[in-house]
Amino acid sequence: MSKMLQKKGIIRLAASACDLERTLLGGQSFRWRKLSNERQTKYCGVALDTFWVLAPTNEHIEFEAFADSVPEQTYVYEAMLSEYLRADFDLEREQCSWTKNDEKFATFSGKPVRILSQEPLENIICFICSQNNNIKRISAMIQWFCSSYGTKIGHFHGQDEYTFPALQKFKDIDCKQLDLDLRAAKFGYRSKFIAQTLEQIQKRGGDEWFEKLRQLPYNEAREALVELPGIGYKVADCICLMSLGHLIAVPVDTHIYKLAQQHYLPHLTGQKSVTNKIYNEVAQHFQQLHGPYAGWAQAVLFCSALPEFKDKSEEDDPPKKKSKKLKK
């Protein structure tokens, strides 16, 4: 039985300031999908223990929120969704600033991408799964993880939907047993990292530790994250950017590194291996160029480099051959 529809409403976020397809399906979260049999374009997914259906219009985003009814607690779903999409961030103003300081930015930037404000635990597990992987497979892995350890919200649009499991769920699960269970579910070498990281987060204090990371300077928060099993600088930067409020963090993946080589740091051309030194050089270049919200600027550039979005934003170009799924 599905949870009740708790709220229908809108948030004031215009299409000129938020492209939901790129924001929700562009590799930040792996819990959203596009509804293809709707007259109006809609997206559905799970965030903040709630199942959402979002429908963008020119002036605002319409939403439906499905969750448990909790009489003693009133959830303000407009505020939850607004915070999730960081609706108070003036993206149009910042894009003007990025374009002013970076003459190449306008060439590569496409439709407006927003940085999601996600729960740290979910983000950590998702991005451990993202290593040497693609969006479709990551989404399937996270769906299995939630169906195995989360709480069922209901059946929506042909699929069962679950909350992301709370850290408390793993308190009494043996680390080695969790590793074996994840390996049986084909998580591969990531299984050990997930099991050990969950154990380490609990030892560090769980949610209280996450709050400390939010309060730390960005570089210190990043260094604390890379102490967790299986987390390098790129994953740490994703977590800092999308879950800890450090919007200066610039994750340097394959797409951003190629962009840097070809258009920003040509002396790196021919350098196939991204060492920590090179990684930091690229990240610091974009931080100096785009300022305190450099990570957000990176997200705009990242989505512009993805073929599935690039083709749609270049409608006047001749058709291109279908690209293979890119690895994260």
C-alpha atoms as a PDB file:
ATOM      1  CA  MET A   1       0.000   0.000   0.000  1.00  0.00           C
ATOM      2  CA  SER A   2       1.381   3.395  -0.976  1.00  0.00           C
ATOM      3  CA  LYS A   3       1.871   6.220   1.487  1.00  0.00           C
ATOM      4  CA  MET A   4      -0.615   9.059   1.454  1.00  0.00           C
ATOM      5  CA  LEU A   5      -0.405  12.134  -0.740  1.00  0.00           C
ATOM      6  CA  GLN A   6       0.593  14.674   1.884  1.00  0.00           C
ATOM      7  CA  LYS A   7       0.814  17.800  -0.201  1.00  0.00           C
ATOM      8  CA  LYS A   8       0.296  19.300  -3.652  1.00  0.00           C
ATOM      9  CA  GLY A   9       1.776  22.695  -4.310  1.00  0.00           C
ATOM     10  CA  ILE A  10       4.320  24.823  -6.137  1.00  0.00           C
ATOM     11  CA  ILE A  11       7.693  26.406  -5.490  1.00  0.00           C
ATOM     12  CA  ARG A  12       8.708  29.595  -7.225  1.00  0.00           C
ATOM     13  CA  LEU A  13      11.564  28.400  -9.359  1.00  0.00           C
ATOM     14  CA  ALA A  14      11.286  29.367 -13.016  1.00  0.00           C
ATOM     15  CA  ALA A  15      12.514  27.315 -15.955  1.00  0.00           C
ATOM     16  CA  SER A  16      15.081  30.045 -16.647  1.00  0.00           C
ATOM     17  CA  ALA A  17      16.679  29.242 -13.280  1.00  0.00           C
ATOM     18  CA  CYS A  18      16.233  25.459 -13.145  1.00  0.00           C
ATOM     19  CA  ASP A  19      16.389  22.750 -15.767  1.00  0.00           C
ATOM     20  CA  LEU A  20      15.035  19.731 -13.907  1.00  0.00           C
ATOM     21  CA  GLU A  21      16.251  17.175 -16.430  1.00  0.00           C
ATOM     22  CA  ARG A  22      19.884  18.171 -16.118  1.00  0.00           C
ATOM     23  CA  THR A  23      19.594  18.774 -12.386  1.00  0.00           C
ATOM     24  CA  LEU A  24      17.908  15.487 -11.481  1.00  0.00           C
ATOM     25  CA  LEU A  25      19.263  13.152 -14.173  1.00  0.00           C
ATOM     26  CA  GLY A  26      22.749  14.590 -14.650  1.00  0.00           C
ATOM     27  CA  GLY A  27      24.661  12.449 -12.171  1.00  0.00           C
ATOM     28  CA  GLN A  28      24.127  14.283  -8.870  1.00  0.00           C
ATOM     29  CA  SER A  29      21.418  11.970  -7.582  1.00  0.00           C
ATOM     30  CA  PHE A  30      20.545   8.460  -8.758  1.00  0.00           C
ATOM     31  CA  ARG A  31      16.972   8.250  -7.481  1.00  0.00           C
ATOM     32  CA  TRP A  32      15.055  10.183 -10.124  1.00  0.00           C
ATOM     33  CA  ARG A  33      13.442   9.204 -13.425  1.00  0.00           C
ATOM     34  CA  LYS A  34      11.482  10.915 -16.154  1.00  0.00           C
ATOM     35  CA  LEU A  35       7.846   9.955 -16.672  1.00  0.00           C
ATOM     36  CA  SER A  36       7.458   9.318 -20.390  1.00  0.00           C
ATOM     37  CA  ASN A  37       3.717   8.698 -20.646  1.00  0.00           C
ATOM     38  CA  GLU A  38       2.611  12.065 -19.360  1.00  0.00           C
ATOM     39  CA  ARG A  39       1.141  14.923 -21.385  1.00  0.00           C
ATOM     40  CA  GLN A  40       3.194  17.277 -19.254  1.00  0.00           C
ATOM     41  CA  THR A  41       6.855  16.548 -18.623  1.00  0.00           C
ATOM     42  CA  LYS A  42       7.239  15.174 -15.110  1.00  0.00           C
ATOM     43  CA  TYR A  43      10.012  13.710 -12.978  1.00  0.00           C
ATOM     44  CA  CYS A  44       9.604  11.412 -10.011  1.00  0.00           C
ATOM     45  CA  GLY A  45      11.977  10.213  -7.334  1.00  0.00           C
ATOM     46  CA  VAL A  46      12.800   9.885  -3.667  1.00  0.00           C
ATOM     47  CA  ALA A  47      14.483  12.535  -1.545  1.00  0.00           C
ATOM     48  CA  LEU A  48      14.242  13.360   2.147  1.00  0.00           C
ATOM     49  CA  ASP A  49      12.213  10.200   2.901  1.00  0.00           C
ATOM     50  CA  THR A  50       9.515  11.422   0.520  1.00  0.00           C
ATOM     51  CA  PHE A  51       8.392  10.344  -2.937  1.00  0.00           C
ATOM     52  CA  TRP A  52       8.026  13.364  -5.213  1.00  0.00           C
ATOM     53  CA  VAL A  53       6.421  14.034  -8.571  1.00  0.00           C
ATOM     54  CA  LEU A  54       7.705  17.285 -10.086  1.00  0.00           C
ATOM     55  CA  ALA A  55       6.280  19.103 -13.102  1.00  0.00           C
ATOM     56  CA  PRO A  56       8.176  22.161 -14.355  1.00  0.00           C
ATOM     57  CA  THR A  57       6.434  25.151 -15.938  1.00  0.00           C
ATOM     58  CA  ASN A  58       7.857  28.422 -17.217  1.00  0.00           C
ATOM     59  CA  GLU A  59       7.206  30.199 -13.923  1.00  0.00           C
ATOM     60  CA  HIS A  60       7.348  27.538 -11.216  1.00  0.00           C
ATOM     61  CA  ILE A  61       7.599  23.830 -10.340  1.00  0.00           C
ATOM     62  CA  GLU A  62       4.459  21.939  -9.379  1.00  0.00           C
ATOM     63  CA  PHE A  63       4.918  19.084  -6.912  1.00  0.00           C
ATOM     64  CA  GLU A  64       3.161  16.179  -5.249  1.00  0.00           C
ATOM     65  CA  ALA A  65       4.679  14.728  -2.069  1.00  0.00           C
ATOM     66  CA  PHE A  66       3.911  11.211  -0.791  1.00  0.00           C
ATOM     67  CA  ALA A  67       5.003  10.135   2.685  1.00  0.00           C
ATOM     68  CA  ASP A  68       3.842   8.801   6.035  1.00  0.00           C
ATOM     69  CA  SER A  69       1.235  10.831   7.837  1.00  0.00           C
ATOM     70  CA  VAL A  70       2.741  12.002  11.126  1.00  0.00           C
ATOM     71  CA  PRO A  71       0.053  13.900  13.107  1.00  0.00           C
ATOM     72  CA  GLU A  72       2.431  15.257  15.737  1.00  0.00           C
ATOM     73  CA  GLN A  73       4.793  16.740  13.172  1.00  0.00           C
ATOM     74  CA  THR A  74       3.938  19.057  10.314  1.00  0.00           C
ATOM     75  CA  TYR A  75       6.240  18.821   7.326  1.00  0.00           C
ATOM     76  CA  VAL A  76       6.503  21.944   5.215  1.00  0.00           C
ATOM     77  CA  TYR A  77       7.011  20.275   1.873  1.00  0.00           C
ATOM     78  CA  GLU A  78       7.469  23.558  -0.004  1.00  0.00           C
ATOM     79  CA  ALA A  79      10.390  24.388   2.282  1.00  0.00           C
ATOM     80  CA  MET A  80      11.847  20.879   1.965  1.00  0.00           C
ATOM     81  CA  LEU A  81      11.784  20.964  -1.826  1.00  0.00           C
ATOM     82  CA  SER A  82      13.017  24.557  -1.980  1.00  0.00           C
ATOM     83  CA  GLU A  83      15.983  23.662   0.204  1.00  0.00           C
ATOM     84  CA  TYR A  84      16.669  20.497  -1.821  1.00  0.00           C
ATOM     85  CA  LEU A  85      16.822  22.546  -5.054  1.00  0.00           C
ATOM     86  CA  ARG A  86      18.530  25.492  -3.299  1.00  0.00           C
ATOM     87  CA  ALA A  87      15.813  27.775  -4.646  1.00  0.00           C
ATOM     88  CA  ASP A  88      17.222  30.809  -2.794  1.00  0.00           C
ATOM     89  CA  PHE A  89      20.450  30.713  -4.811  1.00  0.00           C
ATOM     90  CA  ASP A  90      20.423  33.341  -7.586  1.00  0.00           C
ATOM     91  CA  LEU A  91      21.845  31.211 -10.381  1.00  0.00           C
ATOM     92  CA  GLU A  92      21.146  33.733 -13.137  1.00  0.00           C
ATOM     93  CA  ARG A  93      23.191  36.387 -11.325  1.00  0.00           C
ATOM     94  CA  GLU A  94      26.068  34.007 -10.664  1.00  0.00           C
ATOM     95  CA  GLN A  95      26.131  32.794 -14.271  1.00  0.00           C
ATOM     96  CA  CYS A  96      26.558  36.405 -15.362  1.00  0.00           C
ATOM     97  CA  SER A  97      29.519  36.655 -12.975  1.00  0.00           C
ATOM     98  CA  TRP A  98      31.071  33.416 -14.255  1.00  0.00           C
ATOM     99  CA  THR A  99      30.670  34.569 -17.851  1.00  0.00           C
ATOM    100  CA  LYS A 100      32.247  37.924 -17.042  1.00  0.00           C
ATOM    101  CA  ASN A 101      35.297  36.338 -15.412  1.00  0.00           C
ATOM    102  CA  ASP A 102      35.582  33.427 -17.847  1.00  0.00           C
ATOM    103  CA  GLU A 103      35.186  34.281 -21.522  1.00  0.00           C
ATOM    104  CA  LYS A 104      34.897  30.574 -22.388  1.00  0.00           C
ATOM    105  CA  PHE A 105      32.077  29.861 -19.930  1.00  0.00           C
ATOM    106  CA  ALA A 106      29.262  31.029 -22.206  1.00  0.00           C
ATOM    107  CA  THR A 107      30.582  28.762 -24.958  1.00  0.00           C
ATOM    108  CA  PHE A 108      30.205  25.616 -22.855  1.00  0.00           C
ATOM    109  CA  SER A 109      27.381  26.442 -20.467  1.00  0.00           C
ATOM    110  CA  GLY A 110      23.938  25.175 -21.385  1.00  0.00           C
ATOM    111  CA  LYS A 111      20.644  25.232 -19.532  1.00  0.00           C
ATOM    112  CA  PRO A 112      20.538  26.130 -15.832  1.00  0.00           C
ATOM    113  CA  VAL A 113      21.686  23.316 -13.541  1.00  0.00           C
ATOM    114  CA  ARG A 114      21.067  23.487  -9.814  1.00  0.00           C
ATOM    115  CA  ILE A 115      23.192  21.840  -7.149  1.00  0.00           C
ATOM    116  CA  LEU A 116      21.012  19.527  -5.075  1.00  0.00           C
ATOM    117  CA  SER A 117      21.269  19.722  -1.282  1.00  0.00           C
ATOM    118  CA  GLN A 118      21.432  16.036  -0.413  1.00  0.00           C
ATOM    119  CA  GLU A 119      21.728  13.959   2.740  1.00  0.00           C
ATOM    120  CA  PRO A 120      25.440  13.190   3.385  1.00  0.00           C
ATOM    121  CA  LEU A 121      25.047   9.446   4.040  1.00  0.00           C
ATOM    122  CA  GLU A 122      23.136   8.834   0.819  1.00  0.00           C
ATOM    123  CA  ASN A 123      25.592  10.927  -1.137  1.00  0.00           C
ATOM    124  CA  ILE A 124      28.592   9.055   0.255  1.00  0.00           C
ATOM    125  CA  ILE A 125      27.187   5.628  -0.614  1.00  0.00           C
ATOM    126  CA  CYS A 126      26.045   6.765  -4.062  1.00  0.00           C
ATOM    127  CA  PHE A 127      29.427   8.179  -4.993  1.00  0.00           C
ATOM    128  CA  ILE A 128      31.329   5.171  -3.728  1.00  0.00           C
ATOM    129  CA  CYS A 129      29.109   3.221  -6.145  1.00  0.00           C
ATOM    130  CA  SER A 130      29.868   5.736  -8.912  1.00  0.00           C
ATOM    131  CA  GLN A 131      33.533   4.759  -9.210  1.00  0.00           C
ATOM    132  CA  ASN A 132      34.243   3.230 -12.640  1.00  0.00           C
ATOM    133  CA  ASN A 133      30.519   3.044 -13.274  1.00  0.00           C
ATOM    134  CA  ASN A 134      27.696   4.598 -15.296  1.00  0.00           C
ATOM    135  CA  ILE A 135      24.511   6.346 -14.228  1.00  0.00           C
ATOM    136  CA  LYS A 136      22.134   3.533 -15.205  1.00  0.00           C
ATOM    137  CA  ARG A 137      24.027   0.885 -13.226  1.00  0.00           C
ATOM    138  CA  ILE A 138      24.595   3.175 -10.238  1.00  0.00           C
ATOM    139  CA  SER A 139      20.844   3.831 -10.109  1.00  0.00           C
ATOM    140  CA  ALA A 140      20.122   0.091 -10.141  1.00  0.00           C
ATOM    141  CA  MET A 141      22.617  -0.521  -7.323  1.00  0.00           C
ATOM    142  CA  ILE A 142      21.135   2.234  -5.165  1.00  0.00           C
ATOM    143  CA  GLN A 143      17.606   0.954  -5.830  1.00  0.00           C
ATOM    144  CA  TRP A 144      18.684  -2.499  -4.583  1.00  0.00           C
ATOM    145  CA  PHE A 145      20.393  -0.968  -1.550  1.00  0.00           C
ATOM    146  CA  CYS A 146      17.264   1.010  -0.611  1.00  0.00           C
ATOM    147  CA  SER A 147      14.900  -1.909  -1.211  1.00  0.00           C
ATOM    148  CA  SER A 148      17.087  -4.130   0.990  1.00  0.00           C
ATOM    149  CA  TYR A 149      17.699  -1.757   3.902  1.00  0.00           C
ATOM    150  CA  GLY A 150      15.266   1.152   3.550  1.00  0.00           C
ATOM    151  CA  THR A 151      11.538   1.510   4.267  1.00  0.00           C
ATOM    152  CA  LYS A 152       8.981   1.063   1.519  1.00  0.00           C
ATOM    153  CA  ILE A 153       7.120   4.244   0.613  1.00  0.00           C
ATOM    154  CA  GLY A 154       4.840   2.627  -1.943  1.00  0.00           C
ATOM    155  CA  HIS A 155       4.376   1.576  -5.554  1.00  0.00           C
ATOM    156  CA  PHE A 156       4.441   4.469  -8.012  1.00  0.00           C
ATOM    157  CA  HIS A 157       4.430   4.475 -11.780  1.00  0.00           C
ATOM    158  CA  GLY A 158       5.314   0.813 -12.087  1.00  0.00           C
ATOM    159  CA  GLN A 159       8.053   0.679  -9.456  1.00  0.00           C
ATOM    160  CA  ASP A 160       8.372   0.153  -5.707  1.00  0.00           C
ATOM    161  CA  GLU A 161      10.031   3.116  -4.003  1.00  0.00           C
ATOM    162  CA  TYR A 162      11.962   3.120  -0.730  1.00  0.00           C
ATOM    163  CA  THR A 163      13.581   5.587   1.628  1.00  0.00           C
ATOM    164  CA  PHE A 164      17.353   5.641   1.823  1.00  0.00           C
ATOM    165  CA  PRO A 165      18.266   3.619   4.950  1.00  0.00           C
ATOM    166  CA  ALA A 166      19.208   5.517   8.078  1.00  0.00           C
ATOM    167  CA  LEU A 167      22.652   4.954   9.564  1.00  0.00           C
ATOM    168  CA  GLN A 168      21.014   3.288  12.590  1.00  0.00           C
ATOM    169  CA  LYS A 169      19.906   0.443  10.310  1.00  0.00           C
ATOM    170  CA  PHE A 170      23.502  -0.796  10.070  1.00  0.00           C
ATOM    171  CA  LYS A 171      24.308  -0.607  13.765  1.00  0.00           C
ATOM    172  CA  ASP A 172      23.750  -4.311  14.346  1.00  0.00           C
ATOM    173  CA  ILE A 173      24.856  -5.600  10.935  1.00  0.00           C
ATOM    174  CA  ASP A 174      28.320  -7.126  10.968  1.00  0.00           C
ATOM    175  CA  CYS A 175      30.708  -5.333   8.621  1.00  0.00           C
ATOM    176  CA  LYS A 176      31.966  -8.566   7.032  1.00  0.00           C
ATOM    177  CA  GLN A 177      28.430  -9.860   6.546  1.00  0.00           C
ATOM    178  CA  LEU A 178      27.376  -6.609   4.875  1.00  0.00           C
ATOM    179  CA  ASP A 179      30.401  -6.887   2.589  1.00  0.00           C
ATOM    180  CA  LEU A 180      29.335 -10.420   1.588  1.00  0.00           C
ATOM    181  CA  ASP A 181      25.725  -9.366   1.016  1.00  0.00           C
ATOM    182  CA  LEU A 182      26.755  -6.486  -1.208  1.00  0.00           C
ATOM    183  CA  ARG A 183      29.133  -8.701  -3.179  1.00  0.00           C
ATOM    184  CA  ALA A 184      26.287 -11.165  -3.748  1.00  0.00           C
ATOM    185  CA  ALA A 185      24.296  -8.219  -5.153  1.00  0.00           C
ATOM    186  CA  LYS A 186      27.175  -7.517  -7.580  1.00  0.00           C
ATOM    187  CA  PHE A 187      28.553  -4.369  -5.939  1.00  0.00           C
ATOM    188  CA  GLY A 188      32.041  -5.774  -6.577  1.00  0.00           C
ATOM    189  CA  TYR A 189      35.069  -4.200  -4.907  1.00  0.00           C
ATOM    190  CA  ARG A 190      32.847  -1.324  -3.735  1.00  0.00           C
ATOM    191  CA  SER A 191      31.198  -3.707  -1.235  1.00  0.00           C
ATOM    192  CA  LYS A 192      34.113  -3.597   1.198  1.00  0.00           C
ATOM    193  CA  PHE A 193      34.373   0.186   0.962  1.00  0.00           C
ATOM    194  CA  ILE A 194      30.655   0.674   1.666  1.00  0.00           C
ATOM    195  CA  ALA A 195      30.638  -1.722   4.618  1.00  0.00           C
ATOM    196  CA  GLN A 196      33.788  -0.247   6.174  1.00  0.00           C
ATOM    197  CA  THR A 197      32.714   3.351   5.536  1.00  0.00           C
ATOM    198  CA  LEU A 198      29.359   2.792   7.243  1.00  0.00           C
ATOM    199  CA  GLU A 199      31.218   1.366  10.230  1.00  0.00           C
ATOM    200  CA  GLN A 200      33.651   4.293  10.340  1.00  0.00           C
ATOM    201  CA  ILE A 201      30.900   6.921  10.081  1.00  0.00           C
ATOM    202  CA  GLN A 202      29.161   5.373  13.082  1.00  0.00           C
ATOM    203  CA  LYS A 203      32.422   5.433  15.068  1.00  0.00           C
ATOM    204  CA  ARG A 204      32.917   9.103  14.189  1.00  0.00           C
ATOM    205  CA  GLY A 205      29.486  10.099  15.474  1.00  0.00           C
ATOM    206  CA  GLY A 206      27.168   9.813  12.488  1.00  0.00           C
ATOM    207  CA  ASP A 207      24.982  12.883  11.944  1.00  0.00           C
ATOM    208  CA  GLU A 208      26.914  14.890  14.523  1.00  0.00           C
ATOM    209  CA  TRP A 209      30.098  14.237  12.577  1.00  0.00           C
ATOM    210  CA  PHE A 210      28.431  15.384   9.352  1.00  0.00           C
ATOM    211  CA  GLU A 211      27.424  18.606  11.074  1.00  0.00           C
ATOM    212  CA  LYS A 212      31.026  19.160  12.183  1.00  0.00           C
ATOM    213  CA  LEU A 213      32.155  18.720   8.569  1.00  0.00           C
ATOM    214  CA  ARG A 214      29.701  21.418   7.492  1.00  0.00           C
ATOM    215  CA  GLN A 215      31.248  23.808  10.000  1.00  0.00           C
ATOM    216  CA  LEU A 216      34.856  23.039   9.074  1.00  0.00           C
ATOM    217  CA  PRO A 217      36.704  24.979   6.357  1.00  0.00           C
ATOM    218  CA  TYR A 218      36.349  23.232   2.997  1.00  0.00           C
ATOM    219  CA  ASN A 219      39.903  21.849   2.831  1.00  0.00           C
ATOM    220  CA  GLU A 220      39.660  20.359   6.317  1.00  0.00           C
ATOM    221  CA  ALA A 221      36.295  18.755   5.569  1.00  0.00           C
ATOM    222  CA  ARG A 222      37.711  17.216   2.395  1.00  0.00           C
ATOM    223  CA  GLU A 223      40.737  15.814   4.209  1.00  0.00           C
ATOM    224  CA  ALA A 224      38.460  14.276   6.851  1.00  0.00           C
ATOM    225  CA  LEU A 225      36.378  12.560   4.160  1.00  0.00           C
ATOM    226  CA  VAL A 226      39.335  11.007   2.335  1.00  0.00           C
ATOM    227  CA  GLU A 227      40.179   9.129   5.534  1.00  0.00           C
ATOM    228  CA  LEU A 228      37.100   6.973   4.894  1.00  0.00           C
ATOM    229  CA  PRO A 229      37.671   3.701   2.984  1.00  0.00           C
ATOM    230  CA  GLY A 230      37.279   4.034  -0.773  1.00  0.00           C
ATOM    231  CA  ILE A 231      36.980   7.821  -0.852  1.00  0.00           C
ATOM    232  CA  GLY A 232      39.462   9.855  -2.859  1.00  0.00           C
ATOM    233  CA  TYR A 233      39.494  13.561  -3.646  1.00  0.00           C
ATOM    234  CA  LYS A 234      36.862  13.421  -6.404  1.00  0.00           C
ATOM    235  CA  VAL A 235      34.274  11.632  -4.269  1.00  0.00           C
ATOM    236  CA  ALA A 236      35.144  13.826  -1.277  1.00  0.00           C
ATOM    237  CA  ASP A 237      34.594  16.928  -3.400  1.00  0.00           C
ATOM    238  CA  CYS A 238      31.215  15.605  -4.592  1.00  0.00           C
ATOM    239  CA  ILE A 239      30.165  15.145  -0.960  1.00  0.00           C
ATOM    240  CA  CYS A 240      31.481  18.564   0.073  1.00  0.00           C
ATOM    241  CA  LEU A 241      29.663  20.235  -2.812  1.00  0.00           C
ATOM    242  CA  MET A 242      26.326  18.416  -2.713  1.00  0.00           C
ATOM    243  CA  SER A 243      25.873  17.622   0.977  1.00  0.00           C
ATOM    244  CA  LEU A 244      28.043  19.832   3.186  1.00  0.00           C
ATOM    245  CA  GLY A 245      27.469  23.279   1.724  1.00  0.00           C
ATOM    246  CA  HIS A 246      31.033  23.761   0.472  1.00  0.00           C
ATOM    247  CA  LEU A 247      30.057  25.179  -2.930  1.00  0.00           C
ATOM    248  CA  ILE A 248      33.672  26.013  -3.751  1.00  0.00           C
ATOM    249  CA  ALA A 249      34.491  22.286  -4.088  1.00  0.00           C
ATOM    250  CA  VAL A 250      35.250  21.313  -7.702  1.00  0.00           C
ATOM    251  CA  PRO A 251      35.067  17.564  -8.450  1.00  0.00           C
ATOM    252  CA  VAL A 252      37.462  16.823 -11.301  1.00  0.00           C
ATOM    253  CA  ASP A 253      36.196  13.863 -13.320  1.00  0.00           C
ATOM    254  CA  THR A 254      37.017  12.742 -16.866  1.00  0.00           C
ATOM    255  CA  HIS A 255      34.765  15.346 -18.505  1.00  0.00           C
ATOM    256  CA  ILE A 256      36.090  18.300 -16.518  1.00  0.00           C
ATOM    257  CA  TYR A 257      39.690  17.161 -16.943  1.00  0.00           C
ATOM    258  CA  LYS A 258      39.303  16.952 -20.738  1.00  0.00           C
ATOM    259  CA  LEU A 259      37.681  20.382 -20.776  1.00  0.00           C
ATOM    260  CA  ALA A 260      40.592  21.770 -18.758  1.00  0.00           C
ATOM    261  CA  GLN A 261      43.165  20.163 -21.051  1.00  0.00           C
ATOM    262  CA  GLN A 262      41.572  21.421 -24.254  1.00  0.00           C
ATOM    263  CA  HIS A 263      40.507  24.932 -23.252  1.00  0.00           C
ATOM    264  CA  TYR A 264      41.934  26.088 -19.913  1.00  0.00           C
ATOM    265  CA  LEU A 265      45.212  24.321 -19.112  1.00  0.00           C
ATOM    266  CA  PRO A 266      46.674  23.170 -22.448  1.00  0.00           C
ATOM    267  CA  HIS A 267      50.015  22.300 -20.844  1.00  0.00           C
ATOM    268  CA  LEU A 268      48.233  19.258 -19.361  1.00  0.00           C
ATOM    269  CA  THR A 269      47.526  17.847 -22.827  1.00  0.00           C
ATOM    270  CA  GLY A 270      49.104  14.422 -23.054  1.00  0.00           C
ATOM    271  CA  GLN A 271      48.927  13.859 -19.304  1.00  0.00           C
ATOM    272  CA  LYS A 272      46.633  10.836 -19.162  1.00  0.00           C
ATOM    273  CA  SER A 273      47.052  10.088 -15.466  1.00  0.00           C
ATOM    274  CA  VAL A 274      45.419  12.518 -13.028  1.00  0.00           C
ATOM    275  CA  THR A 275      47.742  12.606 -10.037  1.00  0.00           C
ATOM    276  CA  ASN A 276      46.753  14.408  -6.830  1.00  0.00           C
ATOM    277  CA  LYS A 277      48.979  17.282  -7.914  1.00  0.00           C
ATOM    278  CA  ILE A 278      47.259  17.613 -11.292  1.00  0.00           C
ATOM    279  CA  TYR A 279      43.827  17.167  -9.716  1.00  0.00           C
ATOM    280  CA  ASN A 280      44.463  20.028  -7.316  1.00  0.00           C
ATOM    281  CA  GLU A 281      45.879  22.206 -10.093  1.00  0.00           C
ATOM    282  CA  VAL A 282      42.708  21.815 -12.171  1.00  0.00           C
ATOM    283  CA  ALA A 283      40.399  22.325  -9.191  1.00  0.00           C
ATOM    284  CA  GLN A 284      42.273  25.400  -7.993  1.00  0.00           C
ATOM    285  CA  HIS A 285      42.257  26.903 -11.493  1.00  0.00           C
ATOM    286  CA  PHE A 286      38.456  26.743 -11.642  1.00  0.00           C
ATOM    287  CA  GLN A 287      38.167  27.984  -8.043  1.00  0.00           C
ATOM    288  CA  GLN A 288      40.258  31.042  -8.858  1.00  0.00           C
ATOM    289  CA  LEU A 289      38.320  31.593 -12.083  1.00  0.00           C
ATOM    290  CA  HIS A 290      34.775  31.111 -10.786  1.00  0.00           C
ATOM    291  CA  GLY A 291      35.098  32.134  -7.159  1.00  0.00           C
ATOM    292  CA  PRO A 292      33.280  30.878  -4.043  1.00  0.00           C
ATOM    293  CA  TYR A 293      30.641  29.002  -6.078  1.00  0.00           C
ATOM    294  CA  ALA A 294      33.128  27.303  -8.382  1.00  0.00           C
ATOM    295  CA  GLY A 295      31.595  23.889  -7.746  1.00  0.00           C
ATOM    296  CA  TRP A 296      28.239  25.078  -9.055  1.00  0.00           C
ATOM    297  CA  ALA A 297      29.903  26.468 -12.181  1.00  0.00           C
ATOM    298  CA  GLN A 298      31.585  23.083 -12.616  1.00  0.00           C
ATOM    299  CA  ALA A 299      28.178  21.362 -12.548  1.00  0.00           C
ATOM    300  CA  VAL A 300      26.954  23.571 -15.393  1.00  0.00           C
ATOM    301  CA  LEU A 301      30.066  22.740 -17.428  1.00  0.00           C
ATOM    302  CA  PHE A 302      29.800  19.032 -16.548  1.00  0.00           C
ATOM    303  CA  CYS A 303      26.237  18.722 -17.846  1.00  0.00           C
ATOM    304  CA  SER A 304      27.122  20.619 -21.011  1.00  0.00           C
ATOM    305  CA  ALA A 305      29.736  17.925 -21.717  1.00  0.00           C
ATOM    306  CA  LEU A 306      27.293  15.002 -21.418  1.00  0.00           C
ATOM    307  CA  PRO A 307      26.177  13.836 -24.893  1.00  0.00           C
ATOM    308  CA  GLU A 308      22.594  13.111 -23.822  1.00  0.00           C
ATOM    309  CA  PHE A 309      22.188  16.772 -22.868  1.00  0.00           C
ATOM    310  CA  LYS A 310      24.539  18.350 -25.367  1.00  0.00           C
ATOM    311  CA  ASP A 311      22.577  17.077 -28.349  1.00  0.00           C
ATOM    312  CA  LYS A 312      19.323  18.522 -26.975  1.00  0.00           C
ATOM    313  CA  SER A 313      20.803  21.957 -26.418  1.00  0.00           C
ATOM    314  CA  GLU A 314      22.264  22.104 -29.915  1.00  0.00           C
ATOM    315  CA  GLU A 315      19.072  21.667 -31.899  1.00  0.00           C
ATOM    316  CA  ASP A 316      20.475  23.362 -34.969  1.00  0.00           C
ATOM    317  CA  ASP A 317      23.356  20.920 -35.265  1.00  0.00           C
ATOM    318  CA  PRO A 318      23.119  17.896 -37.546  1.00  0.00           C
ATOM    319  CA  PRO A 319      22.284  14.585 -35.835  1.00  0.00           C
ATOM    320  CA  LYS A 320      25.179  12.830 -34.166  1.00  0.00           C
ATOM    321  CA  LYS A 321      25.860   9.169 -33.700  1.00  0.00           C
ATOM    322  CA  LYS A 322      24.500   7.795 -30.464  1.00  0.00           C
ATOM    323  CA  SER A 323      27.182   7.887 -27.787  1.00  0.00           C
ATOM    324  CA  LYS A 324      27.931   5.110 -25.406  1.00  0.00           C
ATOM    325  CA  LYS A 325      27.096   5.598 -21.745  1.00  0.00           C
ATOM    326  CA  LEU A 326      29.840   7.603 -20.111  1.00  0.00           C
ATOM    327  CA  LYS A 327      31.444   6.436 -16.945  1.00  0.00           C
ATOM    328  CA  LYS A 328      31.231   8.613 -13.898  1.00  0.00           C
END
